[in-house]
Amino acid sequence: MVKIILWLLAIWVALSLVGAVVKGLFWLAIVGGVLFLGTAAYGAIKSSGRKGINGPR
């Protein structure tokens, strides 16, 4: 699950950079930024919820 989230974050960063570099595609940077923040928030919520379940070993 963590690997998928990291891959998605990398893709969103790439989309943001491509959108920022290519003139006339500023909307792509916005979409990439929104998707990056959404994925990061989802990953943070999922990872924080799993800490208490397993407990120390």
C-alpha atoms as a PDB file:
ATOM      1  CA  MET A   1       0.000   0.000   0.000  1.00  0.00           C
ATOM      2  CA  VAL A   2       2.822   2.388   0.862  1.00  0.00           C
ATOM      3  CA  LYS A   3       4.558   1.667  -2.443  1.00  0.00           C
ATOM      4  CA  ILE A   4       1.390   2.527  -4.376  1.00  0.00           C
ATOM      5  CA  ILE A   5       1.035   5.816  -2.504  1.00  0.00           C
ATOM      6  CA  LEU A   6       4.678   6.690  -3.148  1.00  0.00           C
ATOM      7  CA  TRP A   7       4.285   5.923  -6.858  1.00  0.00           C
ATOM      8  CA  LEU A   8       1.155   8.069  -7.041  1.00  0.00           C
ATOM      9  CA  LEU A   9       2.933  10.928  -5.279  1.00  0.00           C
ATOM     10  CA  ALA A  10       5.808  10.670  -7.774  1.00  0.00           C
ATOM     11  CA  ILE A  11       3.369  10.728 -10.701  1.00  0.00           C
ATOM     12  CA  TRP A  12       1.556  13.769  -9.314  1.00  0.00           C
ATOM     13  CA  VAL A  13       4.843  15.615  -8.818  1.00  0.00           C
ATOM     14  CA  ALA A  14       5.831  14.794 -12.402  1.00  0.00           C
ATOM     15  CA  LEU A  15       2.478  16.046 -13.685  1.00  0.00           C
ATOM     16  CA  SER A  16       2.870  19.239 -11.671  1.00  0.00           C
ATOM     17  CA  LEU A  17       6.349  19.880 -13.045  1.00  0.00           C
ATOM     18  CA  VAL A  18       5.323  19.172 -16.636  1.00  0.00           C
ATOM     19  CA  GLY A  19       2.327  21.445 -16.237  1.00  0.00           C
ATOM     20  CA  ALA A  20       4.443  24.238 -14.782  1.00  0.00           C
ATOM     21  CA  VAL A  21       7.131  23.947 -17.474  1.00  0.00           C
ATOM     22  CA  VAL A  22       4.897  23.706 -20.530  1.00  0.00           C
ATOM     23  CA  LYS A  23       3.425  27.098 -21.331  1.00  0.00           C
ATOM     24  CA  GLY A  24      -0.330  27.074 -21.729  1.00  0.00           C
ATOM     25  CA  LEU A  25      -0.815  23.977 -19.572  1.00  0.00           C
ATOM     26  CA  PHE A  26      -0.974  25.700 -16.207  1.00  0.00           C
ATOM     27  CA  TRP A  27      -4.140  23.728 -15.444  1.00  0.00           C
ATOM     28  CA  LEU A  28      -2.052  20.548 -15.465  1.00  0.00           C
ATOM     29  CA  ALA A  29       0.079  21.945 -12.638  1.00  0.00           C
ATOM     30  CA  ILE A  30      -3.086  22.728 -10.672  1.00  0.00           C
ATOM     31  CA  VAL A  31      -4.511  19.232 -11.226  1.00  0.00           C
ATOM     32  CA  GLY A  32      -1.182  17.626 -10.296  1.00  0.00           C
ATOM     33  CA  GLY A  33      -0.938  19.719  -7.136  1.00  0.00           C
ATOM     34  CA  VAL A  34      -4.479  18.865  -6.061  1.00  0.00           C
ATOM     35  CA  LEU A  35      -3.930  15.153  -6.717  1.00  0.00           C
ATOM     36  CA  PHE A  36      -0.609  15.261  -4.847  1.00  0.00           C
ATOM     37  CA  LEU A  37      -2.217  16.833  -1.796  1.00  0.00           C
ATOM     38  CA  GLY A  38      -5.131  14.400  -1.916  1.00  0.00           C
ATOM     39  CA  THR A  39      -2.850  11.379  -2.159  1.00  0.00           C
ATOM     40  CA  ALA A  40      -0.582  12.658   0.615  1.00  0.00           C
ATOM     41  CA  ALA A  41      -3.583  13.247   2.879  1.00  0.00           C
ATOM     42  CA  TYR A  42      -4.964   9.784   2.128  1.00  0.00           C
ATOM     43  CA  GLY A  43      -1.605   8.187   2.862  1.00  0.00           C
ATOM     44  CA  ALA A  44      -1.258  10.122   6.120  1.00  0.00           C
ATOM     45  CA  ILE A  45      -4.730   9.098   7.249  1.00  0.00           C
ATOM     46  CA  LYS A  46      -4.172   5.437   6.374  1.00  0.00           C
ATOM     47  CA  SER A  47      -0.737   5.263   7.994  1.00  0.00           C
ATOM     48  CA  SER A  48      -1.847   7.007  11.197  1.00  0.00           C
ATOM     49  CA  GLY A  49      -4.785   4.633  11.566  1.00  0.00           C
ATOM     50  CA  ARG A  50      -2.556   1.551  11.402  1.00  0.00           C
ATOM     51  CA  LYS A  51      -0.117   2.576  14.172  1.00  0.00           C
ATOM     52  CA  GLY A  52      -2.409   1.688  17.053  1.00  0.00           C
ATOM     53  CA  ILE A  53      -3.744  -1.538  15.599  1.00  0.00           C
ATOM     54  CA  ASN A  54      -0.560  -3.599  15.589  1.00  0.00           C
ATOM     55  CA  GLY A  55       1.022  -2.228  18.745  1.00  0.00           C
ATOM     56  CA  PRO A  56       4.610  -2.879  19.862  1.00  0.00           C
ATOM     57  CA  ARG A  57       6.104  -6.357  19.503  1.00  0.00           C
END
